[in-house]
Protein backbone atom coordinates (compact mmCIF):
# COMPACT_ATOMS: atom_id res chain seq x y z
CA TYR A 1 -104.51 110.99 131.62
CA SER A 2 -102.84 109.37 134.61
CA SER A 3 -100.96 106.08 135.57
CA ALA A 4 -102.27 103.16 133.83
CA PHE A 5 -101.76 101.12 137.17
CA SER A 6 -102.54 103.71 139.93
CA LYS A 7 -104.12 102.96 143.24
CA GLN A 8 -106.05 106.00 143.16
CA ARG A 9 -106.87 106.70 139.54
CA TYR A 10 -107.17 103.68 137.35
CA TYR A 11 -108.86 103.31 133.96
CA LEU A 12 -109.96 100.03 132.38
CA HIS A 13 -111.89 99.86 129.04
CA VAL A 14 -114.38 97.22 129.64
CA GLY A 15 -117.14 96.50 126.94
CA PRO A 16 -118.46 93.89 124.58
CA SER A 17 -115.66 94.38 122.30
CA LEU A 18 -113.14 93.22 124.78
CA ILE A 19 -114.71 90.19 126.25
CA SER A 20 -112.93 87.11 125.35
CA ALA A 21 -114.15 84.11 123.51
CA PRO A 22 -112.26 80.79 123.03
CA CYS A 23 -110.58 80.13 119.77
CA ARG A 24 -112.80 77.42 118.51
CA ASP A 25 -110.21 75.60 116.37
CA SER A 26 -107.07 76.44 118.35
CA ASN A 27 -105.72 72.97 118.01
CA THR A 28 -105.79 73.08 114.18
CA ARG A 29 -104.46 76.59 113.85
CA ARG A 30 -101.26 76.28 111.97
CA CYS A 31 -100.21 79.93 112.08
CA HIS A 32 -99.70 80.82 115.73
CA TYR A 33 -100.90 78.95 118.61
CA SER A 34 -101.18 75.24 119.19
CA ALA A 35 -102.03 75.15 122.91
CA PRO A 36 -105.56 74.69 124.27
CA SER A 37 -107.38 78.10 124.22
CA VAL A 38 -108.58 79.77 127.45
CA ALA A 39 -112.16 78.78 128.10
CA ALA A 40 -114.74 81.54 128.79
CA ASP A 41 -117.95 79.77 130.03
CA THR A 42 -119.13 82.57 132.14
CA ILE A 43 -119.22 84.95 129.39
CA ASN A 44 -121.99 85.54 126.74
CA HIS A 45 -120.41 85.06 123.13
CA PRO A 46 -121.65 85.93 119.76
CA GLU A 47 -123.43 83.01 118.05
CA PRO A 48 -121.39 81.05 115.46
CA LEU A 49 -121.81 82.03 111.82
CA PRO A 50 -124.40 80.05 109.96
CA GLN A 51 -123.15 77.69 107.29
CA ARG A 52 -123.07 79.35 103.95
CA ARG A 53 -124.70 77.70 100.93
CA SER A 54 -122.52 75.39 98.78
CA HIS A 55 -122.89 77.85 95.84
CA ILE A 56 -123.00 81.55 96.07
CA SER A 57 -123.75 84.09 93.35
CA PRO A 58 -121.41 86.89 92.35
CA SER A 59 -123.45 89.41 94.15
CA GLN A 60 -123.26 87.47 97.25
CA ALA A 61 -119.42 87.08 96.93
CA ASN A 62 -119.30 90.87 96.46
CA HIS A 63 -121.22 91.40 99.62
CA ILE A 64 -118.93 89.20 101.72
CA LEU A 65 -115.83 90.83 100.24
CA LYS A 66 -117.13 94.35 100.64
CA SER A 67 -118.93 94.12 103.93
CA ASN A 68 -115.89 95.39 106.10
CA GLU A 69 -114.04 97.46 103.49
CA TYR A 70 -113.05 101.15 104.42
CA SER A 71 -111.82 104.01 102.14
CA PHE A 72 -110.63 107.46 103.18
CA LYS A 73 -109.33 110.35 101.12
CA ALA A 74 -107.13 112.72 103.25
CA TYR A 75 -107.45 116.42 102.39
CA GLY A 76 -105.80 119.44 104.16
CA GLN A 77 -107.95 122.19 105.53
CA ASP A 78 -107.45 124.31 102.29
CA GLY A 79 -108.90 121.44 100.21
CA ARG A 80 -105.52 120.21 98.95
CA ASN A 81 -104.19 117.00 99.76
CA ALA A 82 -102.22 117.02 102.95
CA GLY A 83 -98.71 115.42 103.29
CA SER A 84 -97.78 112.20 101.67
CA VAL A 85 -101.14 110.35 102.16
CA LEU A 86 -103.65 110.91 99.36
CA ARG A 87 -105.91 107.98 100.20
CA PHE A 88 -105.83 104.68 102.18
CA ASP A 89 -108.04 101.45 101.78
CA SER A 90 -108.53 98.67 104.30
CA ASN A 91 -110.49 95.49 104.66
CA VAL A 92 -110.70 92.43 106.82
CA LEU A 93 -112.01 88.85 106.07
CA ALA A 94 -112.72 86.41 108.76
CA SER A 95 -111.75 82.72 108.79
CA ASN A 96 -111.94 82.01 112.59
CA TRP A 97 -115.23 82.91 114.44
CA PRO A 98 -114.85 85.15 116.17
CA MET A 99 -112.32 86.76 113.87
CA GLU A 100 -109.02 87.16 115.58
CA ASP A 101 -107.41 89.82 113.20
CA ARG A 102 -107.93 93.60 113.68
CA ARG A 103 -106.88 96.78 111.81
CA SER A 104 -106.64 100.42 112.97
CA THR A 105 -105.95 103.68 111.28
CA ALA A 106 -105.67 107.24 113.05
CA MET A 107 -104.16 110.63 112.54
CA CYS A 108 -101.94 112.17 115.32
CA LEU A 109 -103.63 115.44 115.75
CA GLN A 110 -100.65 117.34 117.04
CA SER A 111 -98.09 116.27 114.26
CA LYS A 112 -100.65 115.31 111.55
CA ALA A 113 -98.62 112.01 111.21
CA MET A 114 -100.58 108.90 110.23
CA LEU A 115 -100.68 105.55 112.13
CA PHE A 116 -101.65 102.38 110.44
CA GLY A 117 -101.79 98.88 111.98
CA VAL A 118 -102.83 95.29 111.53
CA PHE A 119 -103.01 92.87 114.55
CA ASP A 120 -103.12 89.17 114.38
CA GLY A 121 -104.61 87.45 117.39
CA HIS A 122 -104.16 83.91 118.72
CA ALA A 123 -105.88 81.92 121.50
CA GLY A 124 -108.84 84.23 121.15
CA TYR A 125 -109.31 87.82 119.87
CA THR A 126 -109.20 89.54 123.12
CA CYS A 127 -105.53 90.76 123.04
CA ALA A 128 -105.79 91.80 119.50
CA GLN A 129 -108.91 93.82 120.20
CA ALA A 130 -107.22 95.45 123.18
CA VAL A 131 -104.05 96.27 121.31
CA SER A 132 -105.86 97.65 118.33
CA GLU A 133 -107.70 100.06 120.62
CA ARG A 134 -104.94 101.19 122.93
CA LEU A 135 -101.60 101.09 121.12
CA PHE A 136 -102.11 104.22 118.97
CA TYR A 137 -102.74 106.21 122.08
CA TYR A 138 -99.39 105.02 123.71
CA ILE A 139 -97.56 105.98 120.59
CA ALA A 140 -99.13 109.42 120.16
CA VAL A 141 -98.53 110.35 123.77
CA SER A 142 -95.00 109.23 123.44
CA LEU A 143 -94.37 111.51 120.59
CA LEU A 144 -96.04 114.60 122.23
CA ARG A 145 -93.91 117.61 122.89
CA LEU A 146 -93.16 118.45 126.53
CA LYS A 147 -95.25 121.61 126.60
CA VAL A 148 -98.34 119.63 125.25
CA LEU A 149 -97.83 116.99 127.95
CA GLU A 150 -97.65 119.62 130.58
CA ASP A 151 -100.94 121.27 129.40
CA ILE A 152 -102.61 117.71 129.40
CA GLU A 153 -101.31 117.05 133.05
CA GLU A 154 -102.54 120.34 134.18
CA ALA A 155 -105.95 119.69 132.59
CA VAL A 156 -106.19 116.40 134.43
CA GLU A 157 -105.24 117.77 137.78
CA ASN A 158 -107.92 120.51 137.37
CA GLU A 159 -110.49 118.11 136.03
CA ARG A 160 -110.75 120.14 132.75
CA PRO A 161 -111.44 118.42 129.35
CA VAL A 162 -108.49 116.92 127.75
CA MET A 163 -107.84 117.55 124.22
CA PRO A 164 -107.96 114.51 121.93
CA VAL A 165 -104.69 113.23 120.55
CA LEU A 166 -105.97 111.12 117.83
CA GLN A 167 -108.57 111.21 114.95
CA TRP A 168 -109.76 107.67 114.20
CA HIS A 169 -110.76 106.29 110.78
CA LYS A 170 -113.01 103.35 111.41
CA HIS A 171 -115.42 101.06 109.64
CA PRO A 172 -118.90 100.93 111.42
CA ASN A 173 -118.19 97.39 112.02
CA ASP A 174 -114.90 98.07 113.91
CA HIS A 175 -115.26 98.43 117.62
CA ALA A 176 -115.28 101.98 118.88
CA SER A 177 -112.19 103.33 120.88
CA THR A 178 -112.30 105.52 123.87
CA ASP A 179 -109.62 107.90 125.22
CA GLU A 180 -107.00 105.89 126.95
CA LEU A 181 -105.55 106.92 130.27
CA ILE A 182 -101.90 106.20 130.37
CA GLU A 183 -98.97 107.32 132.49
CA LEU A 184 -97.47 110.45 130.87
CA GLY A 185 -93.99 110.10 132.47
CA GLU A 186 -91.22 112.58 132.72
CA ASP A 187 -88.45 111.10 130.55
CA ARG A 188 -89.07 112.53 126.99
CA ASN A 189 -87.50 111.49 123.86
CA ARG A 190 -89.03 112.57 120.56
CA ASP A 191 -87.07 110.09 118.49
CA THR A 192 -89.73 108.22 116.67
CA GLN A 193 -87.96 104.95 116.93
CA THR A 194 -87.50 105.05 120.69
CA ALA A 195 -91.07 106.23 121.05
CA LEU A 196 -92.48 103.25 119.06
CA VAL A 197 -90.36 100.72 121.14
CA ASP A 198 -91.26 102.34 124.49
CA ALA A 199 -95.03 102.43 123.45
CA PHE A 200 -95.06 98.73 122.59
CA LYS A 201 -93.26 97.67 125.76
CA ARG A 202 -95.30 99.99 127.94
CA LEU A 203 -98.63 98.73 126.73
CA ASP A 204 -97.60 95.08 127.01
CA SER A 205 -96.40 95.78 130.59
CA ASP A 206 -99.73 97.37 131.48
CA ILE A 207 -101.55 94.41 130.05
CA ALA A 208 -99.67 92.15 132.38
CA LEU A 209 -100.19 94.38 135.46
CA GLU A 210 -103.91 94.78 134.78
CA ALA A 211 -104.13 91.03 134.71
CA GLN A 212 -102.75 91.00 138.25
CA ALA A 213 -105.16 93.41 139.56
CA ASP A 214 -108.29 92.48 141.46
CA PHE A 215 -111.24 94.96 140.72
CA GLY A 216 -114.03 92.95 142.26
CA GLU A 217 -116.59 92.71 139.65
CA LEU A 218 -116.88 89.59 137.59
CA VAL A 219 -116.03 90.94 134.20
CA SER A 220 -113.38 93.30 135.42
CA ARG A 221 -111.59 90.45 137.25
CA TYR A 222 -111.69 88.02 134.44
CA MET A 223 -111.37 90.15 131.26
CA PRO A 224 -107.87 91.47 131.89
CA LEU A 225 -106.47 88.02 132.59
CA ARG A 226 -108.12 86.51 129.43
CA THR A 227 -106.54 89.49 127.50
CA ALA A 228 -103.02 88.73 129.04
CA LEU A 229 -103.36 84.90 128.53
CA SER A 230 -104.25 85.45 124.75
CA GLY A 231 -101.90 87.20 122.33
CA CYS A 232 -101.28 89.06 119.13
CA THR A 233 -98.75 90.19 116.70
CA ALA A 234 -98.71 93.79 115.39
CA CYS A 235 -97.36 95.60 112.41
CA VAL A 236 -97.64 99.35 112.88
CA ALA A 237 -96.55 102.05 110.37
CA HIS A 238 -95.91 105.77 111.42
CA LEU A 239 -95.80 108.01 108.50
CA ASP A 240 -94.78 111.64 109.08
CA GLY A 241 -93.93 113.45 105.92
CA PRO A 242 -91.52 111.45 103.81
CA ASP A 243 -90.36 109.40 106.89
CA LEU A 244 -91.77 105.99 107.30
CA HIS A 245 -91.14 104.07 110.50
CA VAL A 246 -92.64 100.46 110.77
CA ALA A 247 -92.68 98.65 114.18
CA ASN A 248 -93.26 95.03 113.96
CA LEU A 249 -93.89 92.12 116.24
CA GLY A 250 -94.34 88.56 114.87
CA ASP A 251 -95.17 87.50 111.15
CA SER A 252 -97.34 90.25 109.74
CA ARG A 253 -95.52 92.24 107.05
CA ALA A 254 -95.13 95.66 105.52
CA VAL A 255 -94.32 95.93 101.80
CA ILE A 256 -93.83 98.96 99.68
CA GLY A 257 -94.96 98.93 95.99
CA VAL A 258 -92.18 100.40 93.89
CA GLN A 259 -92.69 101.36 90.31
CA GLU A 260 -89.47 101.35 88.27
CA GLU A 261 -88.58 103.79 85.53
CA ASP A 262 -89.89 101.31 82.84
CA GLY A 263 -93.34 101.07 84.57
CA THR A 264 -92.79 97.64 86.09
CA TRP A 265 -93.63 96.95 89.68
CA SER A 266 -91.27 95.68 92.28
CA ALA A 267 -91.71 94.76 96.11
CA LEU A 268 -89.66 96.30 98.89
CA THR A 269 -90.23 94.49 102.26
CA VAL A 270 -89.55 96.75 105.19
CA THR A 271 -90.14 94.13 107.74
CA ASN A 272 -88.75 90.83 109.11
CA ASP A 273 -90.67 87.77 110.25
CA HIS A 274 -90.15 86.97 113.79
CA ASN A 275 -90.39 83.29 113.77
CA ALA A 276 -88.32 80.01 113.17
CA GLU A 277 -87.85 80.82 109.51
CA ASN A 278 -85.69 83.72 110.41
CA PRO A 279 -82.13 82.50 111.45
CA GLU A 280 -81.35 85.76 113.00
CA GLU A 281 -84.47 85.65 115.15
CA VAL A 282 -83.80 82.06 116.22
CA GLN A 283 -80.26 83.04 117.37
CA ARG A 284 -81.65 86.02 119.35
CA VAL A 285 -84.11 83.80 121.19
CA LEU A 286 -81.42 81.04 121.94
CA SER A 287 -78.98 83.75 123.18
CA LYS A 288 -81.45 84.72 125.88
CA HIS A 289 -81.31 81.23 127.66
CA PRO A 290 -78.75 78.75 128.82
CA ALA A 291 -77.05 76.23 126.29
CA THR A 292 -78.85 73.47 128.21
CA GLU A 293 -82.15 74.58 126.69
CA GLU A 294 -80.88 74.90 123.16
CA LYS A 295 -82.93 72.06 122.02
CA THR A 296 -86.14 72.92 123.66
CA VAL A 297 -86.54 76.85 123.36
CA VAL A 298 -87.33 76.38 119.73
CA LYS A 299 -88.85 73.14 118.96
CA HIS A 300 -90.84 72.02 115.74
CA GLY A 301 -90.50 75.38 114.48
CA ARG A 302 -92.31 76.90 117.55
CA LEU A 303 -91.39 78.73 120.72
CA LEU A 304 -91.20 75.85 123.29
CA GLY A 305 -93.05 73.80 120.75
CA LEU A 306 -96.15 75.86 121.03
CA LEU A 307 -96.00 79.33 119.72
CA MET A 308 -95.24 80.25 116.11
CA PRO A 309 -94.38 84.00 116.64
CA PHE A 310 -91.24 84.78 118.65
CA ARG A 311 -92.51 88.27 119.52
CA ALA A 312 -96.01 89.20 120.62
CA PHE A 313 -98.27 91.19 122.94
CA GLY A 314 -99.81 89.24 125.78
CA ASP A 315 -99.13 85.55 126.08
CA VAL A 316 -98.04 85.98 129.68
CA ARG A 317 -97.66 82.22 129.91
CA PHE A 318 -94.45 82.51 127.98
CA LYS A 319 -93.43 85.56 130.06
CA TRP A 320 -94.36 85.33 133.65
CA SER A 321 -92.65 83.06 136.19
CA GLY A 322 -94.49 79.85 136.97
CA GLU A 323 -95.10 80.97 140.46
CA LEU A 324 -96.81 84.24 139.42
CA LEU A 325 -98.96 82.51 136.72
CA LYS A 326 -99.99 80.06 139.28
CA ARG A 327 -100.89 82.71 141.96
CA VAL A 328 -102.79 84.90 139.52
CA CYS A 329 -104.84 81.91 138.04
CA GLU A 330 -105.64 80.70 141.48
CA THR A 331 -107.42 83.92 142.42
CA ARG A 332 -109.64 83.48 139.25
CA PRO A 333 -110.53 79.87 138.98
CA GLY A 334 -113.43 80.74 136.60
CA VAL A 335 -111.06 81.71 133.98
CA LEU A 336 -109.67 78.16 133.46
CA PRO A 337 -112.56 75.71 134.08
CA GLY A 338 -111.52 72.22 133.30
CA ILE A 339 -107.97 73.02 132.62
CA GLU A 340 -105.32 72.02 135.20
CA PHE A 341 -102.54 74.57 135.88
CA SER A 342 -100.05 71.94 134.93
CA LYS A 343 -101.31 72.17 131.45
CA MET A 344 -100.96 76.10 131.36
CA LEU A 345 -97.21 75.95 131.82
CA PRO A 346 -95.39 75.13 128.57
CA PRO A 347 -93.04 72.13 128.72
CA ASN A 348 -89.40 72.83 129.50
CA TYR A 349 -90.28 76.16 131.16
CA HIS A 350 -87.10 76.90 133.04
CA THR A 351 -85.89 80.49 132.38
CA PRO A 352 -88.78 82.90 131.46
CA PRO A 353 -89.49 85.16 129.79
CA TYR A 354 -89.20 83.44 126.55
CA LEU A 355 -91.22 85.92 124.69
CA THR A 356 -90.94 89.71 124.17
CA ALA A 357 -93.02 92.60 123.09
CA GLU A 358 -90.08 94.78 121.79
CA PRO A 359 -90.72 95.49 118.14
CA GLU A 360 -88.17 95.68 115.45
CA VAL A 361 -88.40 99.07 113.97
CA THR A 362 -87.41 100.00 110.49
CA HIS A 363 -87.09 103.50 109.04
CA HIS A 364 -87.35 104.21 105.19
CA ARG A 365 -87.33 107.72 103.63
CA LEU A 366 -89.99 107.57 101.00
CA ARG A 367 -88.99 108.34 97.24
CA PRO A 368 -91.24 109.39 94.36
CA GLN A 369 -91.07 105.87 93.00
CA ASP A 370 -92.63 104.44 96.26
CA LYS A 371 -96.35 104.45 95.28
CA PHE A 372 -98.04 102.50 98.02
CA LEU A 373 -97.53 100.63 101.27
CA ILE A 374 -99.32 97.38 102.14
CA LEU A 375 -99.50 95.92 105.71
CA ALA A 376 -101.25 92.72 106.10
CA THR A 377 -101.34 89.84 108.50
CA ASP A 378 -99.86 86.48 107.67
CA GLY A 379 -103.15 85.26 106.31
CA LEU A 380 -102.48 87.19 103.06
CA TRP A 381 -98.83 86.27 102.69
CA GLU A 382 -99.74 82.57 103.09
CA LEU A 383 -101.88 83.00 99.90
CA MET A 384 -99.80 85.30 97.73
CA HIS A 385 -96.11 86.14 97.22
CA ARG A 386 -95.11 89.69 98.00
CA GLN A 387 -94.34 90.34 94.11
CA SER A 388 -97.73 89.30 93.36
CA VAL A 389 -99.36 91.28 95.88
CA VAL A 390 -97.59 94.44 94.66
CA GLN A 391 -98.39 93.61 91.03
CA VAL A 392 -102.09 93.19 91.73
CA VAL A 393 -102.36 96.45 93.67
CA GLY A 394 -100.03 98.47 91.38
CA GLU A 395 -101.96 97.27 88.18
CA HIS A 396 -105.25 97.94 89.85
CA LEU A 397 -104.37 101.46 90.77
CA SER A 398 -103.01 102.24 87.33
CA GLY A 399 -105.64 100.12 85.36
CA ALA A 400 -102.75 98.78 83.40
CA HIS A 401 -103.81 95.11 83.87
CA TRP A 402 -106.46 95.41 81.11
CA GLN A 403 -105.19 98.27 79.03
CA LYS A 404 -101.85 96.76 77.92
CA PRO A 405 -101.52 96.85 74.28
CA VAL A 406 -100.86 93.48 72.47
CA SER A 407 -99.30 94.71 69.27
CA GLY A 408 -96.14 93.03 68.31
CA LEU A 409 -97.10 89.75 69.64
CA SER A 410 -97.86 86.55 67.84
CA PHE A 411 -101.17 84.81 68.79
CA THR A 412 -103.20 81.97 67.57
CA LEU A 413 -106.82 82.76 67.34
CA GLY A 414 -107.43 80.50 70.42
CA GLN A 415 -104.86 82.39 72.49
CA MET A 416 -106.20 85.68 71.39
CA LEU A 417 -109.76 84.62 72.47
CA ARG A 418 -108.43 83.58 75.92
CA LEU A 419 -106.56 86.86 76.36
CA LEU A 420 -109.74 88.90 75.51
CA VAL A 421 -111.78 86.65 77.98
CA GLU A 422 -109.22 87.26 80.68
CA ARG A 423 -109.02 90.84 80.01
CA ARG A 424 -112.78 91.26 80.18
CA VAL A 425 -112.78 89.46 83.60
CA ARG A 426 -110.01 91.81 84.77
CA ALA A 427 -111.90 94.82 83.58
CA LEU A 428 -114.93 93.80 85.41
CA SER A 429 -113.02 92.93 88.59
CA ALA A 430 -111.48 96.41 88.36
CA LEU A 431 -114.81 98.01 88.02
CA GLU A 432 -116.29 96.14 91.00
CA ASP A 433 -113.48 97.12 93.33
CA GLU A 434 -112.92 100.69 94.04
CA ASN A 435 -111.15 99.63 97.38
CA ALA A 436 -107.64 98.33 96.71
CA ALA A 437 -107.61 96.05 99.82
CA THR A 438 -110.99 94.53 98.69
CA HIS A 439 -109.52 93.91 95.18
CA LEU A 440 -106.37 92.28 96.86
CA LEU A 441 -108.46 90.09 98.79
CA ARG A 442 -110.35 88.89 95.72
CA HIS A 443 -107.30 87.87 93.97
CA ALA A 444 -105.89 86.15 97.09
CA LEU A 445 -108.87 83.82 97.33
CA GLY A 446 -109.90 83.58 93.63
CA SER A 447 -106.57 83.70 91.68
CA ASP A 448 -106.50 81.49 88.64
CA GLY A 449 -102.69 81.44 88.68
CA PHE A 450 -102.48 83.69 85.52
CA GLY A 451 -103.16 87.14 87.07
CA ALA A 452 -107.01 86.93 86.68
CA VAL A 453 -109.77 85.94 89.26
CA ASP A 454 -111.71 82.67 88.78
CA PRO A 455 -115.17 83.55 89.90
CA ARG A 456 -115.96 79.76 90.61
CA ARG A 457 -112.84 79.46 92.78
CA LEU A 458 -113.72 82.69 94.62
CA ALA A 459 -117.28 81.55 95.29
CA LYS A 460 -115.97 78.21 96.67
CA MET A 461 -113.52 79.75 98.96
CA LEU A 462 -116.05 82.20 100.29
CA SER A 463 -118.77 79.63 100.78
CA LEU A 464 -116.87 77.13 102.99
CA PRO A 465 -118.60 76.45 106.22
CA PRO A 466 -116.76 77.88 109.28
CA GLU A 467 -115.48 74.48 110.46
CA LEU A 468 -113.65 74.14 107.09
CA THR A 469 -112.63 77.64 106.37
CA ARG A 470 -109.55 77.55 108.75
CA MET A 471 -108.24 74.50 106.91
CA TYR A 472 -107.74 76.59 103.73
CA ARG A 473 -106.87 80.08 105.00
CA ASP A 474 -106.38 82.32 107.98
CA ASP A 475 -108.12 85.52 108.92
CA ILE A 476 -106.79 88.38 106.76
CA ALA A 477 -106.49 92.08 107.79
CA VAL A 478 -105.16 94.47 104.96
CA VAL A 479 -104.28 97.98 104.96
CA VAL A 480 -103.11 99.32 101.53
CA ASN A 481 -101.63 102.36 103.24
CA PHE A 482 -103.74 101.67 102.12
CA GLU A 483 -103.31 102.67 98.82
CA ILE A 484 -100.71 105.27 99.76
CA ASN A 485 -100.13 107.41 96.90
CA PHE A 486 -97.21 109.93 97.15
CA ASN A 487 -97.66 113.55 96.19
CA GLN A 488 -94.92 114.73 93.87
CA GLU A 489 -95.37 118.36 95.13
CA PHE A 490 -94.95 117.02 98.57
CA PHE A 491 -91.60 115.35 97.80
CA THR A 492 -90.40 118.44 95.96
CA LYS A 493 -91.01 120.42 99.22
CA SER A 494 -89.53 117.80 101.50
CA ASN A 495 -86.58 117.14 99.36
CA PRO A 496 -85.41 120.50 97.93
CA ASP A 497 -82.27 119.15 96.58
């Protein structure tokens, strides 16, 4: 561990997973970014996905939905469930190519706290990839005790192996992370909320500093700037015993599934969207700039008329001064072939920064009725209401959606037949999906509007060619905290009263 921007000791994670590619349909992306994407002609990119057939079979649909699913059951060393997390599920489903959403899950080895995150990239996937690999290290180090930090610093100075701080839980298709070298710092504050805010801001600052550095080699010179010019939102949950902290930037959401005493499900949202639909967020942005810019700072529901989220990592063209942006880009002309610098600056760009990476942190002390936590990028929430999301996951976990009795109700023969058919479809769907995140994706794409999945609609949504998929949905990353179930014994010990 050492300074992330040190003249003598500098670490930069360079690999295929971080090399940027342009957003193929940035002009039609309605969620986040409406400006031209950064070109990357000098870099080799993955080949575009082949067009899928107009009709796919149920087995092909299952293969697409399940190809990126991940499940993990957490147990203590004594074989019993550890802490409040019994199990978590996750999944991602692409719309853009390359996909711009990412997910991350890890355990902090010192505290045994769990970290969960979803990251929604725009103007390319590079920033989302970098943040998904690096942010958890910044958070873990920010929360370490002073004695542990001193031991790490001593090991670095004496060139001894440094103990790991995270245990990652990754799908084989997720890009591998390596240990991150970051500045340890002297000011220590173990308050979780402060640590989360500092980690977010520090990583964003390092991304900007790295983009200004000249490392000589082609990839090392261009990749950091591409990362900084692209951007991503982030929604990260830190779960330590019954204490849940959620740090959020942008319009991904965290929702708790609450089971009431009568067995019904309700949704408790623990994040706020940072966009033009949030009046408090609009007022916050306007208060940072002169009254003369009141009509231009937020225009057409976007920051400076271009960017949908009002908080994000990267996106230095909304943070740097015009002079700095020009100077850095002029030293790397290959990053922006065919794009004039004047087109890089947003219109009415007078008093930067307009964008921040400071997260809004929410604390919630978990209760026995809090059964699971869902983190998801905006691609899910555009397709489903939060109550529907909680209902689908809650009924899937309990099996209630195809076991409910029908006695006492009046049905015609036709209505009873339809009920039985729907129940059979739901039962088959439940048997198909052991992963709660996969089950949620199945409903998001294939819902018939009555709580069941229409296989024909699901097949059509999954068989759209890449150039049309983005017109119907966004990338989706889901962590059903990932199916968090909360141990009653754990709550009794944590809440002795």
